[in-house]
Amino acid sequence: MGRLAEMQRKLLEQMMGPEAMGVANANLVWSDDKVCRNFLCGTCPHTLFTNTKMDLGACPKSHTERLKTEFLAAREADAANPIFQRFQMEYESNIFAFVDECDRRIRTAQRRLEKTPEENAKTTNLMREIAEIELAIQGGTEKIETLGEQGKVEESMKEMAAIEALKSEKGEKERDLQQLTDTSGASGHQKLRVCDVCGAYLSVLDSDRRLADHFGGKMHLGYHELRNMLVKFREEREKRKAAPPPAGAPAGGAPPPEHRDRDRDRDRDRERERGYERHGSSRYECVLSVV
């Protein structure tokens, strides 16, 4: 009960502000390390997954609307200040890392749904054994015909009993193979698949209502929002790259300090771009078509 009360208190702090709860220094400024920079720049993942399987708990840093208002006003008044670019880069990096971790879980879950090497070996062995039994049955049938032509009725009856036993064994192995095919991997008979937005398991046997509940659920929509943020970050970087150089830029020689800052930020963008490509940026570009 104590833990629940602590979580509720932190949630109230996020909604009302620490000052209103009487637990924070009213002189705290937006640039303080105790202030959540994700919250200042946009959305903190801690607030997206409350009461879901991915509940991160309350954010350990301050979410104060007063500080966010002051941050936005300061950024608007002095957008060229490197501190705002640094905060934005940190924000984008945090969101990217959070989504990348989700993608890692998705890849792991997808591998779990595949057959293990042991299951593959067992399937191959069963198929081989069934084929060998089928050949034995065919050989026995031909032998029965030969014995019948020779009038060896008693030996023919024994061979027929042996063939019936082979047919029974073949039926058992075919049932084992079918069961292995249906239940191999973690999917089991439910025929599971993995949601490529949030990583949750979905069954092909789920009703339309159950699927609608998933795609409209808080966890799925939270990851959908984060992926849309990555698309937006990418588009904004492309716009910055395509923007013409500022008026009065020198034709050659060392660039002025403000241009050096711009070039440094562009280099960071390139590094981030390579990170997107390594982790499959096409996934982020197509998320809007998922739901």
Protein backbone atom coordinates (compact mmCIF):
# COMPACT_ATOMS: atom_id res chain seq x y z
CA MET A 1 0.00 0.00 0.00
CA GLY A 2 2.92 2.30 0.70
CA ARG A 3 4.29 1.79 -2.81
CA LEU A 4 0.90 2.57 -4.34
CA ALA A 5 0.65 5.78 -2.33
CA GLU A 6 4.13 6.80 -3.47
CA MET A 7 3.22 6.22 -7.11
CA GLN A 8 0.02 8.25 -6.70
CA ARG A 9 1.99 11.08 -5.08
CA LYS A 10 4.46 11.19 -7.98
CA LEU A 11 1.64 11.20 -10.51
CA LEU A 12 0.04 14.12 -8.70
CA GLU A 13 3.39 15.91 -8.76
CA GLN A 14 3.54 15.47 -12.52
CA MET A 15 0.02 16.79 -13.02
CA MET A 16 0.02 19.63 -10.49
CA GLY A 17 3.71 20.43 -10.18
CA PRO A 18 6.04 19.74 -7.27
CA GLU A 19 5.60 23.22 -5.88
CA ALA A 20 1.86 22.69 -5.51
CA MET A 21 2.58 19.49 -3.56
CA GLY A 22 5.06 21.31 -1.34
CA VAL A 23 7.91 18.93 -2.14
CA ALA A 24 10.13 20.96 -4.48
CA ASN A 25 12.15 24.10 -4.44
CA ALA A 26 10.05 26.90 -5.96
CA ASN A 27 13.28 28.41 -7.27
CA LEU A 28 13.95 25.42 -9.55
CA VAL A 29 14.70 26.57 -13.12
CA TRP A 30 14.04 24.75 -16.38
CA SER A 31 17.76 24.22 -17.07
CA ASP A 32 18.23 22.30 -13.83
CA ASP A 33 19.23 18.64 -14.18
CA LYS A 34 16.34 17.70 -11.93
CA VAL A 35 13.87 18.80 -14.62
CA CYS A 36 12.76 16.23 -17.21
CA ARG A 37 14.03 17.39 -20.60
CA ASN A 38 11.75 15.00 -22.43
CA PHE A 39 8.83 16.74 -20.78
CA LEU A 40 10.19 20.18 -21.65
CA CYS A 41 10.74 19.35 -25.33
CA GLY A 42 7.63 17.30 -25.91
CA THR A 43 6.49 14.06 -24.30
CA CYS A 44 8.01 11.97 -21.55
CA PRO A 45 7.61 8.20 -22.18
CA HIS A 46 6.85 7.71 -18.49
CA THR A 47 3.47 9.41 -19.00
CA LEU A 48 2.44 7.32 -22.03
CA PHE A 49 2.27 3.85 -20.51
CA THR A 50 0.61 4.29 -17.13
CA ASN A 51 -1.36 1.17 -16.10
CA THR A 52 -0.06 -0.90 -19.03
CA LYS A 53 2.38 -3.80 -19.22
CA MET A 54 5.07 -1.26 -20.05
CA ASP A 55 4.30 1.00 -17.10
CA LEU A 56 7.56 2.79 -16.29
CA GLY A 57 6.26 4.28 -13.08
CA ALA A 58 6.44 7.97 -12.33
CA CYS A 59 9.30 9.90 -13.93
CA PRO A 60 12.06 10.54 -11.37
CA LYS A 61 12.52 14.08 -12.69
CA SER A 62 10.30 17.11 -12.35
CA HIS A 63 7.32 17.66 -14.65
CA THR A 64 6.26 21.22 -13.86
CA GLU A 65 4.06 23.14 -16.25
CA ARG A 66 5.51 26.46 -15.04
CA LEU A 67 9.00 25.34 -16.04
CA LYS A 68 7.81 24.05 -19.39
CA THR A 69 6.11 27.37 -20.12
CA GLU A 70 9.27 29.23 -19.19
CA PHE A 71 11.39 26.88 -21.33
CA LEU A 72 9.19 27.35 -24.40
CA ALA A 73 9.19 31.12 -23.95
CA ALA A 74 12.96 31.21 -23.60
CA ARG A 75 13.43 29.02 -26.67
CA GLU A 76 11.15 31.23 -28.73
CA ALA A 77 13.02 34.36 -27.64
CA ASP A 78 16.49 32.94 -28.35
CA ALA A 79 16.11 29.95 -30.69
CA ALA A 80 19.78 30.11 -31.77
CA ASN A 81 21.04 29.44 -28.26
CA PRO A 82 22.97 26.12 -28.35
CA ILE A 83 21.36 24.94 -25.12
CA PHE A 84 18.01 24.49 -26.87
CA GLN A 85 19.62 22.52 -29.68
CA ARG A 86 21.37 20.37 -27.08
CA PHE A 87 18.10 19.71 -25.24
CA GLN A 88 16.37 18.79 -28.51
CA MET A 89 19.15 16.42 -29.52
CA GLU A 90 18.99 14.74 -26.12
CA TYR A 91 15.21 14.46 -26.43
CA GLU A 92 15.41 12.88 -29.89
CA SER A 93 18.12 10.49 -28.70
CA ASN A 94 16.00 9.39 -25.73
CA ILE A 95 12.93 8.74 -27.89
CA PHE A 96 15.00 6.88 -30.47
CA ALA A 97 16.60 4.69 -27.76
CA PHE A 98 13.19 3.93 -26.25
CA VAL A 99 11.73 2.85 -29.61
CA ASP A 100 14.90 0.95 -30.49
CA GLU A 101 14.53 -1.08 -27.29
CA CYS A 102 10.95 -1.89 -28.34
CA ASP A 103 12.23 -3.03 -31.74
CA ARG A 104 14.76 -5.28 -30.03
CA ARG A 105 11.93 -6.92 -28.06
CA ILE A 106 9.95 -7.32 -31.29
CA ARG A 107 12.84 -9.10 -32.99
CA THR A 108 13.30 -11.36 -29.95
CA ALA A 109 9.59 -12.20 -29.86
CA GLN A 110 9.56 -12.98 -33.56
CA ARG A 111 12.48 -15.37 -33.12
CA ARG A 112 10.62 -17.10 -30.30
CA LEU A 113 7.75 -17.82 -32.65
CA GLU A 114 10.07 -19.63 -35.03
CA LYS A 115 10.87 -23.32 -34.66
CA THR A 116 13.88 -24.19 -32.53
CA PRO A 117 16.68 -26.33 -34.01
CA GLU A 118 15.40 -29.25 -31.90
CA GLU A 119 11.90 -28.85 -33.32
CA ASN A 120 13.25 -28.69 -36.86
CA ALA A 121 15.28 -31.86 -36.28
CA LYS A 122 12.29 -33.67 -34.80
CA THR A 123 10.12 -32.62 -37.73
CA THR A 124 12.71 -33.89 -40.22
CA ASN A 125 13.06 -37.22 -38.38
CA LEU A 126 9.31 -37.76 -38.30
CA MET A 127 9.00 -37.04 -42.01
CA ARG A 128 11.80 -39.48 -42.76
CA GLU A 129 10.29 -42.20 -40.55
CA ILE A 130 6.87 -41.76 -42.17
CA ALA A 131 8.46 -42.10 -45.62
CA GLU A 132 10.30 -45.27 -44.57
CA ILE A 133 7.11 -46.80 -43.18
CA GLU A 134 5.27 -45.96 -46.40
CA LEU A 135 7.97 -47.79 -48.40
CA ALA A 136 7.69 -50.78 -46.06
CA ILE A 137 3.92 -50.84 -46.55
CA GLN A 138 4.31 -50.77 -50.31
CA GLY A 139 6.86 -53.58 -50.17
CA GLY A 140 4.61 -55.65 -47.91
CA THR A 141 1.64 -55.16 -50.22
CA GLU A 142 3.64 -56.46 -53.18
CA LYS A 143 4.79 -59.44 -51.08
CA ILE A 144 1.19 -60.28 -50.16
CA GLU A 145 0.25 -60.35 -53.83
CA THR A 146 3.17 -62.70 -54.57
CA LEU A 147 2.28 -65.00 -51.65
CA GLY A 148 -1.35 -65.04 -52.78
CA GLU A 149 -0.34 -66.09 -56.29
CA GLN A 150 1.74 -68.92 -54.74
CA GLY A 151 -1.18 -70.04 -52.59
CA LYS A 152 0.64 -69.34 -49.34
CA VAL A 153 -2.43 -68.13 -47.45
CA GLU A 154 -1.03 -68.42 -43.90
CA GLU A 155 2.13 -66.44 -44.71
CA SER A 156 0.01 -63.93 -46.60
CA MET A 157 -2.21 -63.37 -43.50
CA LYS A 158 0.88 -62.81 -41.31
CA GLU A 159 2.23 -60.25 -43.78
CA MET A 160 -1.14 -58.50 -43.84
CA ALA A 161 -1.13 -58.23 -40.02
CA ALA A 162 2.37 -56.72 -40.20
CA ILE A 163 1.17 -54.17 -42.76
CA GLU A 164 -1.76 -53.18 -40.52
CA ALA A 165 0.69 -52.60 -37.68
CA LEU A 166 2.80 -50.42 -39.98
CA LYS A 167 -0.25 -48.43 -41.01
CA SER A 168 -1.12 -47.86 -37.33
CA GLU A 169 2.44 -46.73 -36.59
CA LYS A 170 2.35 -44.43 -39.60
CA GLY A 171 -0.92 -42.87 -38.38
CA GLU A 172 0.60 -42.17 -34.96
CA LYS A 173 3.67 -40.51 -36.45
CA GLU A 174 1.52 -38.41 -38.79
CA ARG A 175 -0.48 -37.21 -35.78
CA ASP A 176 2.77 -36.39 -33.96
CA LEU A 177 3.95 -34.44 -36.99
CA GLN A 178 0.70 -32.51 -37.22
CA GLN A 179 0.82 -31.68 -33.52
CA LEU A 180 4.43 -30.56 -33.79
CA THR A 181 3.55 -28.36 -36.75
CA ASP A 182 0.64 -26.79 -34.88
CA THR A 183 2.44 -26.23 -31.59
CA SER A 184 6.06 -25.65 -32.57
CA GLY A 185 7.65 -22.47 -31.27
CA ALA A 186 6.09 -20.22 -28.64
CA SER A 187 3.04 -19.64 -30.84
CA GLY A 188 1.33 -22.89 -29.95
CA HIS A 189 -2.10 -23.60 -31.33
CA GLN A 190 -3.03 -19.94 -30.97
CA LYS A 191 -1.03 -19.02 -34.11
CA LEU A 192 0.57 -15.99 -32.52
CA ARG A 193 2.15 -13.07 -34.33
CA VAL A 194 3.94 -10.00 -33.02
CA CYS A 195 2.62 -6.45 -33.33
CA ASP A 196 5.35 -4.51 -35.12
CA VAL A 197 4.43 -1.27 -33.35
CA CYS A 198 4.37 -2.22 -29.67
CA GLY A 199 5.66 -5.81 -29.62
CA ALA A 200 2.56 -7.40 -28.07
CA TYR A 201 1.54 -10.94 -29.07
CA LEU A 202 -1.58 -11.16 -31.21
CA SER A 203 -3.47 -14.29 -32.19
CA VAL A 204 -4.90 -14.86 -35.65
CA LEU A 205 -7.85 -16.38 -33.81
CA ASP A 206 -8.60 -13.14 -31.95
CA SER A 207 -12.01 -11.62 -32.59
CA ASP A 208 -12.35 -8.27 -34.34
CA ARG A 209 -13.31 -6.74 -31.01
CA ARG A 210 -10.19 -8.02 -29.29
CA LEU A 211 -7.97 -6.74 -32.09
CA ALA A 212 -9.72 -3.36 -31.97
CA ASP A 213 -9.07 -3.20 -28.22
CA HIS A 214 -5.39 -3.85 -28.86
CA PHE A 215 -4.93 -1.26 -31.61
CA GLY A 216 -6.86 1.30 -29.60
CA GLY A 217 -5.10 0.42 -26.35
CA LYS A 218 -2.89 2.77 -24.40
CA MET A 219 0.35 0.83 -24.91
CA HIS A 220 -0.07 0.48 -28.68
CA LEU A 221 -1.06 4.13 -29.10
CA GLY A 222 1.86 5.19 -26.91
CA TYR A 223 4.41 3.45 -29.13
CA HIS A 224 2.54 4.69 -32.19
CA GLU A 225 2.98 8.25 -30.92
CA LEU A 226 6.69 7.72 -30.27
CA ARG A 227 7.21 6.30 -33.76
CA ASN A 228 5.38 9.27 -35.25
CA MET A 229 7.78 11.50 -33.33
CA LEU A 230 10.71 9.77 -35.04
CA VAL A 231 9.10 10.40 -38.42
CA LYS A 232 8.68 14.06 -37.49
CA PHE A 233 12.29 14.34 -36.30
CA ARG A 234 13.44 12.88 -39.60
CA GLU A 235 11.33 15.30 -41.64
CA GLU A 236 12.62 18.27 -39.67
CA ARG A 237 16.21 17.19 -40.27
CA GLU A 238 15.53 16.93 -43.98
CA LYS A 239 14.11 20.45 -43.98
CA ARG A 240 17.17 21.79 -42.18
CA LYS A 241 19.46 20.12 -44.71
CA ALA A 242 17.49 21.58 -47.64
CA ALA A 243 17.35 25.09 -46.15
CA PRO A 244 19.51 27.71 -47.98
CA PRO A 245 22.50 29.15 -46.09
CA PRO A 246 21.87 32.34 -44.12
CA ALA A 247 22.25 35.64 -45.94
CA GLY A 248 25.73 37.12 -45.68
CA ALA A 249 27.50 33.78 -45.37
CA PRO A 250 31.13 34.08 -46.56
CA ALA A 251 32.05 32.42 -49.85
CA GLY A 252 35.11 30.76 -48.38
CA GLY A 253 37.39 30.64 -45.38
CA ALA A 254 36.49 29.75 -41.82
CA PRO A 255 32.79 30.08 -41.03
CA PRO A 256 31.65 32.39 -38.26
CA PRO A 257 30.82 30.85 -34.85
CA GLU A 258 27.09 30.65 -35.50
CA HIS A 259 27.78 28.77 -38.74
CA ARG A 260 30.18 26.44 -36.99
CA ASP A 261 27.41 25.64 -34.53
CA ARG A 262 25.10 24.97 -37.44
CA ASP A 263 27.64 22.69 -39.12
CA ARG A 264 28.25 20.85 -35.89
CA ASP A 265 24.52 20.24 -35.52
CA ARG A 266 24.38 19.05 -39.13
CA ASP A 267 27.16 16.55 -38.40
CA ARG A 268 25.16 15.30 -35.43
CA ASP A 269 22.14 14.94 -37.70
CA ARG A 270 24.18 12.83 -40.07
CA GLU A 271 25.27 10.57 -37.24
CA ARG A 272 21.68 10.20 -36.13
CA GLU A 273 20.62 9.54 -39.72
CA ARG A 274 23.07 6.66 -39.91
CA GLY A 275 21.60 5.34 -36.66
CA TYR A 276 18.11 5.38 -38.17
CA GLU A 277 19.32 3.54 -41.24
CA ARG A 278 21.09 0.88 -39.17
CA HIS A 279 17.95 0.20 -37.16
CA GLY A 280 15.53 0.16 -40.08
CA SER A 281 14.11 3.63 -40.57
CA SER A 282 11.54 2.34 -43.05
CA ARG A 283 9.64 0.93 -40.10
CA TYR A 284 9.16 4.43 -38.75
CA GLU A 285 8.13 5.82 -42.09
CA CYS A 286 5.34 3.26 -42.46
CA VAL A 287 3.85 3.25 -38.98
CA LEU A 288 0.92 5.40 -40.07
CA SER A 289 -0.32 2.53 -42.23
CA VAL A 290 -0.19 -0.02 -39.40
CA VAL A 291 -3.38 1.00 -37.64
